[in-house]
C-alpha atoms as a PDB file:
ATOM      1  CA  MET A   1       0.000   0.000   0.000  1.00  0.00           C
ATOM      2  CA  MET A   2       2.871   2.365   0.899  1.00  0.00           C
ATOM      3  CA  LYS A   3       4.621   1.534  -2.397  1.00  0.00           C
ATOM      4  CA  PHE A   4       1.440   2.363  -4.371  1.00  0.00           C
ATOM      5  CA  ALA A   5       1.092   5.745  -2.619  1.00  0.00           C
ATOM      6  CA  ALA A   6       4.718   6.567  -3.315  1.00  0.00           C
ATOM      7  CA  LYS A   7       4.296   5.788  -7.047  1.00  0.00           C
ATOM      8  CA  ALA A   8       1.180   7.956  -7.186  1.00  0.00           C
ATOM      9  CA  MET A   9       3.069  10.857  -5.668  1.00  0.00           C
ATOM     10  CA  VAL A  10       5.877  10.512  -8.235  1.00  0.00           C
ATOM     11  CA  VAL A  11       3.423  10.485 -11.156  1.00  0.00           C
ATOM     12  CA  ALA A  12       1.570  13.497  -9.766  1.00  0.00           C
ATOM     13  CA  GLY A  13       4.821  15.376  -9.313  1.00  0.00           C
ATOM     14  CA  ALA A  14       5.914  14.655 -12.857  1.00  0.00           C
ATOM     15  CA  ALA A  15       2.582  15.874 -14.168  1.00  0.00           C
ATOM     16  CA  LEU A  16       2.843  19.101 -12.187  1.00  0.00           C
ATOM     17  CA  LEU A  17       6.404  19.650 -13.463  1.00  0.00           C
ATOM     18  CA  LEU A  18       5.332  19.125 -17.086  1.00  0.00           C
ATOM     19  CA  ALA A  19       2.420  21.506 -16.675  1.00  0.00           C
ATOM     20  CA  ALA A  20       4.711  24.122 -15.218  1.00  0.00           C
ATOM     21  CA  CYS A  21       7.115  23.812 -18.098  1.00  0.00           C
ATOM     22  CA  MET A  22       4.281  24.162 -20.627  1.00  0.00           C
ATOM     23  CA  SER A  23       2.846  27.203 -18.882  1.00  0.00           C
ATOM     24  CA  SER A  24       6.235  28.919 -18.705  1.00  0.00           C
ATOM     25  CA  ASN A  25       6.901  28.322 -22.463  1.00  0.00           C
ATOM     26  CA  PRO A  26       3.550  28.742 -24.316  1.00  0.00           C
ATOM     27  CA  SER A  27       3.253  28.104 -28.108  1.00  0.00           C
ATOM     28  CA  LYS A  28       3.868  31.254 -30.194  1.00  0.00           C
ATOM     29  CA  PRO A  29       1.190  32.109 -32.779  1.00  0.00           C
ATOM     30  CA  LYS A  30       2.384  32.036 -36.396  1.00  0.00           C
ATOM     31  CA  GLY A  31       3.065  35.484 -37.882  1.00  0.00           C
ATOM     32  CA  LYS A  32       3.900  36.708 -41.382  1.00  0.00           C
ATOM     33  CA  PRO A  33       6.573  34.538 -43.008  1.00  0.00           C
ATOM     34  CA  ASP A  34       9.985  36.061 -43.535  1.00  0.00           C
ATOM     35  CA  TRP A  35       9.871  35.598 -47.338  1.00  0.00           C
ATOM     36  CA  ILE A  36       7.318  38.408 -47.657  1.00  0.00           C
ATOM     37  CA  ILE A  37      10.097  40.868 -46.829  1.00  0.00           C
ATOM     38  CA  ASN A  38      13.293  38.880 -47.424  1.00  0.00           C
ATOM     39  CA  GLU A  39      13.077  36.953 -50.669  1.00  0.00           C
ATOM     40  CA  PRO A  40      14.770  33.517 -50.551  1.00  0.00           C
ATOM     41  CA  THR A  41      17.910  32.833 -52.566  1.00  0.00           C
ATOM     42  CA  LYS A  42      19.013  29.529 -54.027  1.00  0.00           C
ATOM     43  CA  PRO A  43      21.539  28.855 -56.806  1.00  0.00           C
ATOM     44  CA  GLY A  44      19.858  28.157 -60.141  1.00  0.00           C
ATOM     45  CA  HIS A  45      16.456  29.353 -58.946  1.00  0.00           C
ATOM     46  CA  ALA A  46      14.404  32.529 -59.158  1.00  0.00           C
ATOM     47  CA  TYR A  47      11.665  33.685 -56.802  1.00  0.00           C
ATOM     48  CA  GLY A  48       8.734  36.056 -56.998  1.00  0.00           C
ATOM     49  CA  VAL A  49       6.358  37.393 -54.366  1.00  0.00           C
ATOM     50  CA  GLY A  50       2.854  38.627 -55.068  1.00  0.00           C
ATOM     51  CA  SER A  51      -0.074  39.842 -53.000  1.00  0.00           C
ATOM     52  CA  ALA A  52      -3.769  40.428 -53.517  1.00  0.00           C
ATOM     53  CA  GLU A  53      -6.627  41.773 -51.448  1.00  0.00           C
ATOM     54  CA  ILE A  54      -9.360  39.384 -50.371  1.00  0.00           C
ATOM     55  CA  TYR A  55     -12.708  40.701 -51.546  1.00  0.00           C
ATOM     56  CA  THR A  56     -15.084  37.744 -51.196  1.00  0.00           C
ATOM     57  CA  ASP A  57     -13.258  34.574 -52.260  1.00  0.00           C
ATOM     58  CA  GLU A  58      -9.922  33.693 -50.654  1.00  0.00           C
ATOM     59  CA  ALA A  59      -9.115  31.134 -53.377  1.00  0.00           C
ATOM     60  CA  GLU A  60      -9.656  33.750 -56.097  1.00  0.00           C
ATOM     61  CA  ALA A  61      -7.365  36.141 -54.216  1.00  0.00           C
ATOM     62  CA  MET A  62      -4.731  33.393 -54.072  1.00  0.00           C
ATOM     63  CA  ARG A  63      -4.889  33.058 -57.874  1.00  0.00           C
ATOM     64  CA  ARG A  64      -4.413  36.799 -58.295  1.00  0.00           C
ATOM     65  CA  ALA A  65      -1.523  36.782 -55.832  1.00  0.00           C
ATOM     66  CA  ARG A  66       0.145  33.953 -57.781  1.00  0.00           C
ATOM     67  CA  ASP A  67      -0.248  35.884 -61.042  1.00  0.00           C
ATOM     68  CA  ALA A  68       1.315  38.913 -59.369  1.00  0.00           C
ATOM     69  CA  ALA A  69       4.175  36.748 -58.119  1.00  0.00           C
ATOM     70  CA  LYS A  70       4.806  35.480 -61.685  1.00  0.00           C
ATOM     71  CA  VAL A  71       4.986  39.071 -62.943  1.00  0.00           C
ATOM     72  CA  ASP A  72       7.363  39.966 -60.106  1.00  0.00           C
ATOM     73  CA  LEU A  73       9.619  37.010 -60.939  1.00  0.00           C
ATOM     74  CA  VAL A  74       9.795  37.834 -64.662  1.00  0.00           C
ATOM     75  CA  GLN A  75      10.495  41.512 -64.019  1.00  0.00           C
ATOM     76  CA  LYS A  76      13.409  40.619 -61.759  1.00  0.00           C
ATOM     77  CA  LEU A  77      14.799  38.248 -64.377  1.00  0.00           C
ATOM     78  CA  ARG A  78      14.569  40.957 -67.038  1.00  0.00           C
ATOM     79  CA  VAL A  79      16.589  43.323 -64.874  1.00  0.00           C
ATOM     80  CA  THR A  80      19.167  40.592 -64.198  1.00  0.00           C
ATOM     81  CA  VAL A  81      19.564  39.631 -67.866  1.00  0.00           C
ATOM     82  CA  THR A  82      19.747  43.257 -69.031  1.00  0.00           C
ATOM     83  CA  GLY A  83      22.378  44.053 -66.436  1.00  0.00           C
ATOM     84  CA  GLU A  84      24.541  40.964 -66.919  1.00  0.00           C
ATOM     85  CA  LEU A  85      24.763  40.792 -70.709  1.00  0.00           C
ATOM     86  CA  THR A  86      28.069  42.240 -71.823  1.00  0.00           C
ATOM     87  CA  GLN A  87      27.856  41.357 -75.473  1.00  0.00           C
ATOM     88  CA  ASP A  88      25.230  41.731 -78.140  1.00  0.00           C
ATOM     89  CA  THR A  89      23.248  38.515 -78.412  1.00  0.00           C
ATOM     90  CA  GLN A  90      20.764  39.869 -80.919  1.00  0.00           C
ATOM     91  CA  GLU A  91      20.760  37.735 -84.025  1.00  0.00           C
ATOM     92  CA  THR A  92      21.097  39.458 -87.352  1.00  0.00           C
ATOM     93  CA  ARG A  93      18.016  39.142 -89.512  1.00  0.00           C
ATOM     94  CA  GLN A  94      19.166  37.906 -92.893  1.00  0.00           C
ATOM     95  CA  THR A  95      15.887  38.531 -94.670  1.00  0.00           C
ATOM     96  CA  GLY A  96      16.862  41.513 -96.781  1.00  0.00           C
ATOM     97  CA  LYS A  97      14.744  44.604 -97.255  1.00  0.00           C
ATOM     98  CA  GLN A  98      11.222  44.055 -96.043  1.00  0.00           C
ATOM     99  CA  THR A  99       8.318  45.580 -97.955  1.00  0.00           C
ATOM    100  CA  GLN A 100       5.172  46.875 -96.303  1.00  0.00           C
ATOM    101  CA  LEU A 101       3.401  43.659 -97.302  1.00  0.00           C
ATOM    102  CA  VAL A 102       6.064  41.524 -95.621  1.00  0.00           C
ATOM    103  CA  GLN A 103       5.897  43.649 -92.482  1.00  0.00           C
ATOM    104  CA  SER A 104       2.073  43.462 -92.456  1.00  0.00           C
ATOM    105  CA  VAL A 105       2.172  39.672 -92.759  1.00  0.00           C
ATOM    106  CA  ARG A 106       4.788  39.396 -89.982  1.00  0.00           C
ATOM    107  CA  ASN A 107       2.847  41.727 -87.686  1.00  0.00           C
ATOM    108  CA  ARG A 108      -0.396  39.877 -88.342  1.00  0.00           C
ATOM    109  CA  ILE A 109       1.161  36.522 -87.496  1.00  0.00           C
ATOM    110  CA  THR A 110       3.024  37.783 -84.428  1.00  0.00           C
ATOM    111  CA  SER A 111      -0.150  39.348 -83.017  1.00  0.00           C
ATOM    112  CA  LYS A 112      -1.858  35.941 -83.115  1.00  0.00           C
ATOM    113  CA  ILE A 113       0.866  34.146 -81.131  1.00  0.00           C
ATOM    114  CA  PRO A 114       0.131  34.076 -77.376  1.00  0.00           C
ATOM    115  CA  GLN A 115       2.844  34.728 -74.822  1.00  0.00           C
ATOM    116  CA  ALA A 116       4.683  31.556 -73.839  1.00  0.00           C
ATOM    117  CA  GLU A 117       3.558  30.099 -70.508  1.00  0.00           C
ATOM    118  CA  LEU A 118       6.057  29.821 -67.668  1.00  0.00           C
ATOM    119  CA  SER A 119       7.154  26.223 -67.259  1.00  0.00           C
ATOM    120  CA  ASN A 120       8.571  24.598 -64.109  1.00  0.00           C
ATOM    121  CA  LEU A 121       6.974  27.294 -61.954  1.00  0.00           C
ATOM    122  CA  GLU A 122       6.033  26.126 -58.460  1.00  0.00           C
ATOM    123  CA  THR A 123       4.049  27.724 -55.648  1.00  0.00           C
ATOM    124  CA  GLU A 124       6.530  27.545 -52.781  1.00  0.00           C
ATOM    125  CA  ASP A 125       4.312  28.988 -50.039  1.00  0.00           C
ATOM    126  CA  SER A 126       1.217  31.080 -49.383  1.00  0.00           C
ATOM    127  CA  TYR A 127       0.037  33.125 -46.419  1.00  0.00           C
ATOM    128  CA  ALA A 128      -3.343  34.685 -45.678  1.00  0.00           C
ATOM    129  CA  ASP A 129      -3.407  37.785 -43.475  1.00  0.00           C
ATOM    130  CA  MET A 130      -7.072  37.635 -42.495  1.00  0.00           C
ATOM    131  CA  LYS A 131      -6.808  40.683 -40.246  1.00  0.00           C
ATOM    132  CA  ASN A 132      -5.825  42.947 -43.172  1.00  0.00           C
ATOM    133  CA  ARG A 133      -7.649  40.822 -45.774  1.00  0.00           C
ATOM    134  CA  VAL A 134      -4.530  40.233 -47.893  1.00  0.00           C
ATOM    135  CA  VAL A 135      -2.971  37.033 -49.216  1.00  0.00           C
ATOM    136  CA  TYR A 136       0.672  36.545 -50.204  1.00  0.00           C
ATOM    137  CA  THR A 137       2.164  33.942 -52.517  1.00  0.00           C
ATOM    138  CA  LEU A 138       5.774  32.899 -53.080  1.00  0.00           C
ATOM    139  CA  VAL A 139       6.609  31.220 -56.397  1.00  0.00           C
ATOM    140  CA  LYS A 140       9.845  29.484 -57.334  1.00  0.00           C
ATOM    141  CA  LEU A 141      11.323  28.765 -60.752  1.00  0.00           C
ATOM    142  CA  ASN A 142      14.028  26.217 -61.441  1.00  0.00           C
ATOM    143  CA  ARG A 143      15.843  28.222 -64.107  1.00  0.00           C
ATOM    144  CA  VAL A 144      18.013  25.329 -65.296  1.00  0.00           C
ATOM    145  CA  LYS A 145      15.074  22.974 -65.851  1.00  0.00           C
ATOM    146  CA  ALA A 146      12.909  25.725 -67.360  1.00  0.00           C
ATOM    147  CA  ALA A 147      15.608  26.768 -69.843  1.00  0.00           C
ATOM    148  CA  ALA A 148      16.221  23.134 -70.819  1.00  0.00           C
ATOM    149  CA  GLU A 149      12.491  22.562 -71.417  1.00  0.00           C
ATOM    150  CA  LEU A 150      12.239  25.674 -73.584  1.00  0.00           C
ATOM    151  CA  ARG A 151      15.249  24.630 -75.647  1.00  0.00           C
ATOM    152  CA  ARG A 152      13.592  21.252 -76.185  1.00  0.00           C
ATOM    153  CA  GLN A 153      10.422  22.956 -77.434  1.00  0.00           C
ATOM    154  CA  ILE A 154      12.473  25.223 -79.705  1.00  0.00           C
ATOM    155  CA  SER A 155      14.266  22.204 -81.144  1.00  0.00           C
ATOM    156  CA  GLU A 156      10.899  20.612 -81.978  1.00  0.00           C
ATOM    157  CA  LEU A 157       9.750  23.783 -83.746  1.00  0.00           C
ATOM    158  CA  ASP A 158      13.006  23.887 -85.722  1.00  0.00           C
ATOM    159  CA  MET A 159      12.403  20.327 -86.866  1.00  0.00           C
ATOM    160  CA  GLN A 160       8.893  21.225 -88.049  1.00  0.00           C
ATOM    161  CA  VAL A 161      10.257  24.210 -89.967  1.00  0.00           C
ATOM    162  CA  THR A 162      12.903  21.993 -91.575  1.00  0.00           C
ATOM    163  CA  ASP A 163      10.341  19.376 -92.612  1.00  0.00           C
ATOM    164  CA  LEU A 164       7.970  21.943 -94.147  1.00  0.00           C
ATOM    165  CA  SER A 165      10.775  23.635 -96.035  1.00  0.00           C
ATOM    166  CA  ASN A 166      12.290  20.399 -97.333  1.00  0.00           C
ATOM    167  CA  ASN A 167       8.879  19.139 -98.454  1.00  0.00           C
ATOM    168  CA  THR A 168       8.081  22.306-100.448  1.00  0.00           C
ATOM    169  CA  SER A 169       9.682  22.251-103.856  1.00  0.00           C
ATOM    170  CA  ASP A 170      10.956  25.570-105.147  1.00  0.00           C
ATOM    171  CA  SER A 171       9.717  24.543-108.604  1.00  0.00           C
ATOM    172  CA  LEU A 172       6.098  25.008-107.524  1.00  0.00           C
ATOM    173  CA  PRO A 173       4.220  28.206-108.456  1.00  0.00           C
ATOM    174  CA  VAL A 174       4.740  31.099-106.064  1.00  0.00           C
ATOM    175  CA  LEU A 175       1.273  30.874-104.500  1.00  0.00           C
ATOM    176  CA  LYS A 176       1.554  27.101-104.019  1.00  0.00           C
ATOM    177  CA  GLN A 177       4.874  27.549-102.223  1.00  0.00           C
ATOM    178  CA  LEU A 178       3.393  30.249-100.020  1.00  0.00           C
ATOM    179  CA  GLN A 179       0.383  28.104 -99.174  1.00  0.00           C
ATOM    180  CA  SER A 180       2.776  25.410 -97.980  1.00  0.00           C
ATOM    181  CA  LEU A 181       5.326  27.658 -96.264  1.00  0.00           C
ATOM    182  CA  LEU A 182       3.281  30.380 -94.556  1.00  0.00           C
ATOM    183  CA  PRO A 183       2.679  28.109 -91.518  1.00  0.00           C
ATOM    184  CA  VAL A 184       6.464  28.292 -91.063  1.00  0.00           C
ATOM    185  CA  LEU A 185       6.133  31.955 -90.121  1.00  0.00           C
ATOM    186  CA  LYS A 186       3.775  30.975 -87.293  1.00  0.00           C
ATOM    187  CA  LEU A 187       6.273  28.390 -86.073  1.00  0.00           C
ATOM    188  CA  ILE A 188       9.075  30.953 -86.202  1.00  0.00           C
ATOM    189  CA  ALA A 189       6.943  33.490 -84.326  1.00  0.00           C
ATOM    190  CA  GLN A 190       6.340  30.866 -81.626  1.00  0.00           C
ATOM    191  CA  ARG A 191      10.066  30.151 -81.591  1.00  0.00           C
ATOM    192  CA  ASP A 192      10.843  33.840 -81.091  1.00  0.00           C
ATOM    193  CA  LYS A 193       8.549  33.981 -78.053  1.00  0.00           C
ATOM    194  CA  LEU A 194      10.165  30.885 -76.540  1.00  0.00           C
ATOM    195  CA  SER A 195      13.676  32.186 -77.290  1.00  0.00           C
ATOM    196  CA  GLU A 196      13.007  35.431 -75.428  1.00  0.00           C
ATOM    197  CA  GLN A 197      11.829  33.463 -72.406  1.00  0.00           C
ATOM    198  CA  ALA A 198      14.741  31.025 -72.619  1.00  0.00           C
ATOM    199  CA  GLN A 199      17.147  33.946 -72.531  1.00  0.00           C
ATOM    200  CA  LEU A 200      15.505  35.148 -69.323  1.00  0.00           C
ATOM    201  CA  PHE A 201      15.800  31.748 -67.677  1.00  0.00           C
ATOM    202  CA  ASP A 202      19.311  30.906 -68.838  1.00  0.00           C
ATOM    203  CA  LEU A 203      21.806  31.535 -66.025  1.00  0.00           C
ATOM    204  CA  ASN A 204      24.171  33.276 -68.479  1.00  0.00           C
ATOM    205  CA  GLY A 205      21.483  35.105 -70.440  1.00  0.00           C
ATOM    206  CA  ARG A 206      22.128  33.100 -73.607  1.00  0.00           C
ATOM    207  CA  LYS A 207      19.521  33.199 -76.367  1.00  0.00           C
ATOM    208  CA  PRO A 208      18.872  30.172 -78.616  1.00  0.00           C
ATOM    209  CA  LEU A 209      19.777  31.645 -81.996  1.00  0.00           C
ATOM    210  CA  LYS A 210      18.378  30.485 -85.323  1.00  0.00           C
ATOM    211  CA  ASP A 211      20.688  28.379 -87.430  1.00  0.00           C
ATOM    212  CA  GLU A 212      21.393  29.224 -91.065  1.00  0.00           C
ATOM    213  CA  PHE A 213      18.713  26.896 -92.415  1.00  0.00           C
ATOM    214  CA  ILE A 214      15.951  28.536 -90.361  1.00  0.00           C
ATOM    215  CA  LEU A 215      17.119  31.993 -91.418  1.00  0.00           C
ATOM    216  CA  ASP A 216      17.294  30.914 -95.060  1.00  0.00           C
ATOM    217  CA  THR A 217      13.770  29.479 -94.885  1.00  0.00           C
ATOM    218  CA  GLU A 218      12.472  32.733 -93.438  1.00  0.00           C
ATOM    219  CA  LYS A 219      14.266  34.651 -96.171  1.00  0.00           C
ATOM    220  CA  ARG A 220      12.781  32.323 -98.795  1.00  0.00           C
ATOM    221  CA  ILE A 221       9.215  33.061 -97.633  1.00  0.00           C
ATOM    222  CA  TYR A 222       9.736  36.826 -97.694  1.00  0.00           C
ATOM    223  CA  ALA A 223      11.233  36.559-101.171  1.00  0.00           C
ATOM    224  CA  LEU A 224       8.148  34.648-102.319  1.00  0.00           C
ATOM    225  CA  LEU A 225       5.895  37.368-100.924  1.00  0.00           C
ATOM    226  CA  ASP A 226       7.893  39.905-102.909  1.00  0.00           C
ATOM    227  CA  LYS A 227       7.395  37.799-106.068  1.00  0.00           C
ATOM    228  CA  LEU A 228       3.632  37.512-105.649  1.00  0.00           C
ATOM    229  CA  VAL A 229       1.801  38.928-108.693  1.00  0.00           C
ATOM    230  CA  VAL A 230      -1.741  40.325-108.505  1.00  0.00           C
ATOM    231  CA  THR A 231      -4.179  41.203-111.276  1.00  0.00           C
ATOM    232  CA  VAL A 232      -6.745  43.921-110.651  1.00  0.00           C
ATOM    233  CA  GLU A 233     -10.114  43.608-112.386  1.00  0.00           C
ATOM    234  CA  ALA A 234     -12.794  46.284-112.133  1.00  0.00           C
ATOM    235  CA  GLN A 235     -16.305  44.878-112.364  1.00  0.00           C
ATOM    236  CA  ASN A 236     -18.269  48.103-113.038  1.00  0.00           C
ATOM    237  CA  THR A 237     -17.818  51.672-114.281  1.00  0.00           C
ATOM    238  CA  ALA A 238     -17.267  53.280-110.864  1.00  0.00           C
ATOM    239  CA  ALA A 239     -14.696  50.622-110.016  1.00  0.00           C
ATOM    240  CA  GLN A 240     -12.877  51.320-113.279  1.00  0.00           C
ATOM    241  CA  GLY A 241     -12.350  54.878-112.136  1.00  0.00           C
ATOM    242  CA  MET A 242     -10.635  53.605-108.991  1.00  0.00           C
ATOM    243  CA  ARG A 243      -8.264  51.254-110.801  1.00  0.00           C
ATOM    244  CA  ALA A 244      -5.267  53.596-110.922  1.00  0.00           C
ATOM    245  CA  GLY A 245      -5.526  54.433-107.229  1.00  0.00           C
ATOM    246  CA  ILE A 246      -5.890  50.803-106.209  1.00  0.00           C
ATOM    247  CA  ILE A 247      -2.903  49.722-108.318  1.00  0.00           C
ATOM    248  CA  ARG A 248      -0.832  52.543-106.853  1.00  0.00           C
ATOM    249  CA  SER A 249      -1.728  51.496-103.296  1.00  0.00           C
ATOM    250  CA  LEU A 250      -1.024  47.813-103.898  1.00  0.00           C
ATOM    251  CA  THR A 251       2.300  48.629-105.558  1.00  0.00           C
ATOM    252  CA  SER A 252       3.339  50.787-102.606  1.00  0.00           C
ATOM    253  CA  THR A 253       2.916  47.777-100.294  1.00  0.00           C
ATOM    254  CA  GLY A 254       5.426  45.800-102.370  1.00  0.00           C
ATOM    255  CA  LEU A 255       3.000  43.805-104.501  1.00  0.00           C
ATOM    256  CA  ARG A 256       3.582  43.286-108.192  1.00  0.00           C
ATOM    257  CA  VAL A 257       0.564  44.160-110.308  1.00  0.00           C
ATOM    258  CA  SER A 258       0.209  42.696-113.784  1.00  0.00           C
ATOM    259  CA  PRO A 259      -2.556  42.989-116.416  1.00  0.00           C
ATOM    260  CA  THR A 260      -2.598  39.201-116.864  1.00  0.00           C
ATOM    261  CA  GLN A 261      -1.348  35.930-115.384  1.00  0.00           C
ATOM    262  CA  GLY A 262      -1.278  36.819-111.718  1.00  0.00           C
ATOM    263  CA  ASP A 263      -0.960  34.498-108.741  1.00  0.00           C
ATOM    264  CA  LEU A 264      -3.988  36.248-107.250  1.00  0.00           C
ATOM    265  CA  ALA A 265      -6.862  38.080-108.919  1.00  0.00           C
ATOM    266  CA  LEU A 266      -8.424  41.005-107.083  1.00  0.00           C
ATOM    267  CA  LYS A 267     -11.920  41.590-108.486  1.00  0.00           C
ATOM    268  CA  TYR A 268     -13.973  44.461-107.169  1.00  0.00           C
ATOM    269  CA  GLU A 269     -17.096  46.488-107.626  1.00  0.00           C
ATOM    270  CA  ALA A 270     -17.494  50.015-106.339  1.00  0.00           C
ATOM    271  CA  ASN A 271     -20.115  52.676-105.880  1.00  0.00           C
ATOM    272  CA  LEU A 272     -19.560  56.366-105.204  1.00  0.00           C
ATOM    273  CA  ARG A 273     -22.112  58.401-103.264  1.00  0.00           C
ATOM    274  CA  PRO A 274     -21.454  62.153-103.304  1.00  0.00           C
ATOM    275  CA  VAL A 275     -23.057  64.337-100.643  1.00  0.00           C
ATOM    276  CA  THR A 276     -22.797  68.078-100.078  1.00  0.00           C
ATOM    277  CA  LYS A 277     -23.158  69.380 -96.525  1.00  0.00           C
ATOM    278  CA  SER A 278     -22.712  72.975 -95.397  1.00  0.00           C
ATOM    279  CA  GLY A 279     -20.552  73.764 -98.405  1.00  0.00           C
ATOM    280  CA  ARG A 280     -18.330  70.709 -97.912  1.00  0.00           C
ATOM    281  CA  HIS A 281     -18.103  67.888-100.409  1.00  0.00           C
ATOM    282  CA  VAL A 282     -18.304  64.346 -99.044  1.00  0.00           C
ATOM    283  CA  VAL A 283     -17.921  61.199-101.109  1.00  0.00           C
ATOM    284  CA  PHE A 284     -18.550  57.689 -99.794  1.00  0.00           C
ATOM    285  CA  ALA A 285     -16.773  54.896-101.667  1.00  0.00           C
ATOM    286  CA  ASP A 286     -18.241  51.431-101.132  1.00  0.00           C
ATOM    287  CA  GLY A 287     -16.182  48.510-102.395  1.00  0.00           C
ATOM    288  CA  SER A 288     -17.084  44.839-102.689  1.00  0.00           C
ATOM    289  CA  ILE A 289     -13.922  42.799-103.195  1.00  0.00           C
ATOM    290  CA  ARG A 290     -13.245  39.179-104.087  1.00  0.00           C
ATOM    291  CA  ILE A 291      -9.792  37.586-104.083  1.00  0.00           C
ATOM    292  CA  GLU A 292      -9.282  34.470-106.181  1.00  0.00           C
ATOM    293  CA  ASP A 293      -6.345  32.224-106.986  1.00  0.00           C
ATOM    294  CA  SER A 294      -5.275  31.480-110.571  1.00  0.00           C
ATOM    295  CA  ALA A 295      -7.757  28.588-110.735  1.00  0.00           C
ATOM    296  CA  GLY A 296     -10.689  30.815-109.811  1.00  0.00           C
ATOM    297  CA  ARG A 297     -10.989  29.509-106.254  1.00  0.00           C
ATOM    298  CA  ILE A 298     -12.299  32.254-103.960  1.00  0.00           C
ATOM    299  CA  LEU A 299      -9.913  32.902-101.089  1.00  0.00           C
ATOM    300  CA  SER A 300     -11.681  35.847 -99.521  1.00  0.00           C
ATOM    301  CA  GLU A 301     -14.668  38.135 -99.961  1.00  0.00           C
ATOM    302  CA  PHE A 302     -15.201  41.348 -98.057  1.00  0.00           C
ATOM    303  CA  SER A 303     -16.670  44.818 -98.231  1.00  0.00           C
ATOM    304  CA  LYS A 304     -15.064  48.117 -97.358  1.00  0.00           C
ATOM    305  CA  GLU A 305     -16.254  51.671 -97.090  1.00  0.00           C
ATOM    306  CA  ALA A 306     -14.177  54.826 -97.211  1.00  0.00           C
ATOM    307  CA  LYS A 307     -15.082  58.502 -96.949  1.00  0.00           C
ATOM    308  CA  GLY A 308     -13.435  61.452 -98.644  1.00  0.00           C
ATOM    309  CA  VAL A 309     -14.054  65.061 -97.604  1.00  0.00           C
ATOM    310  CA  SER A 310     -13.045  68.298 -99.298  1.00  0.00           C
ATOM    311  CA  ALA A 311     -14.070  71.929 -99.096  1.00  0.00           C
ATOM    312  CA  ALA A 312     -12.595  72.549-102.543  1.00  0.00           C
ATOM    313  CA  SER A 313     -14.477  70.247-104.897  1.00  0.00           C
ATOM    314  CA  ALA A 314     -16.311  66.957-105.261  1.00  0.00           C
ATOM    315  CA  ALA A 315     -13.439  65.673-107.422  1.00  0.00           C
ATOM    316  CA  VAL A 316     -10.958  66.103-104.561  1.00  0.00           C
ATOM    317  CA  ALA A 317     -13.347  64.423-102.131  1.00  0.00           C
ATOM    318  CA  GLU A 318     -13.758  61.529-104.556  1.00  0.00           C
ATOM    319  CA  ARG A 319     -10.000  61.179-104.942  1.00  0.00           C
ATOM    320  CA  ASN A 320      -9.566  61.077-101.168  1.00  0.00           C
ATOM    321  CA  ALA A 321     -12.265  58.412-100.812  1.00  0.00           C
ATOM    322  CA  VAL A 322     -10.745  56.265-103.551  1.00  0.00           C
ATOM    323  CA  GLN A 323      -7.280  56.551-101.992  1.00  0.00           C
ATOM    324  CA  LYS A 324      -8.543  55.452 -98.575  1.00  0.00           C
ATOM    325  CA  LEU A 325     -10.432  52.538-100.095  1.00  0.00           C
ATOM    326  CA  ALA A 326      -7.336  51.463-101.992  1.00  0.00           C
ATOM    327  CA  GLU A 327      -5.227  51.543 -98.813  1.00  0.00           C
ATOM    328  CA  SER A 328      -7.721  49.346 -96.968  1.00  0.00           C
ATOM    329  CA  LEU A 329      -7.578  46.862 -99.837  1.00  0.00           C
ATOM    330  CA  GLY A 330      -3.822  46.515 -99.441  1.00  0.00           C
ATOM    331  CA  GLN A 331      -4.188  45.881 -95.707  1.00  0.00           C
ATOM    332  CA  GLU A 332      -6.954  43.349 -96.254  1.00  0.00           C
ATOM    333  CA  LEU A 333      -4.846  41.477 -98.771  1.00  0.00           C
ATOM    334  CA  ALA A 334      -2.099  41.011 -96.159  1.00  0.00           C
ATOM    335  CA  THR A 335      -4.727  39.628 -93.757  1.00  0.00           C
ATOM    336  CA  THR A 336      -5.989  37.297 -96.493  1.00  0.00           C
ATOM    337  CA  LEU A 337      -2.502  35.937 -97.083  1.00  0.00           C
ATOM    338  CA  VAL A 338      -2.204  34.948 -93.433  1.00  0.00           C
ATOM    339  CA  ASP A 339      -5.744  33.814 -92.696  1.00  0.00           C
ATOM    340  CA  LYS A 340      -6.903  32.296 -95.965  1.00  0.00           C
ATOM    341  CA  ILE A 341      -4.207  30.835 -98.172  1.00  0.00           C
ATOM    342  CA  ASP A 342      -2.395  28.780 -95.561  1.00  0.00           C
END
């Protein structure tokens, strides 16, 4: 009985001692993580921190904070690459003089290519400050893995460009070659986006340059665009009066216009509607245009309207309207080349 009482006293004493220790060293509530102020560093990695206010949905705020962290990470990489590069890594474009048509086609294609997504990006940590209704997110990028993945994707695009070029005989008619090769420009535009990102991720800021074959293929396509021949056919009397202005506009874009045997036929009808208001002459030029290939296949149909205004005379207003309509035709033809014939 005495032994049992002694054991009970020992157990009770131990319990009291443990309770005392716990009360003298209470658990500390978790505060804001250090990475919000002091960004982590790790060789071969990049970090970004983003924040977002919580309006109603905490998960939605977390998504916005992650997007902000991605932007923060990329901006820091841009500063690093710009500051560390000591030599010019810009590749020389070996495509010769570019006409307005070539530039319009390039701009049209580039505008349709989305920005490359960040690969190998991880959410390292998140923190919700419920008192101030703000969430924070830390993202981490393995630069070595990300750069390697982008170079792999670029290599695949280069192989597709090579296959398309090798499988397109230069003995084919100009339009046939363009129909086969224009997708190459989309691949090259994608490659350019990936190359810019790869340069950001590369630890030495190196950019994956195009080899000679890719540059030559690009040059080949632009040369074909410069060789493209268009015939212009007016379909009514009013359109006939616009012919000179339309030919002048198309020629200024770099297109070759021929009376016969063109790669493309531009057939159009036009109507002029003169109006006089408060002593000013206004002419509306309505054009209905059809673009066909040499076999008569319709590639595109569209309508355009242009307005010319002059205080001097109706003839000047008409000339202004015709000139504007002709300019819009040249722009539409560039769009047709990208969207229709490939």
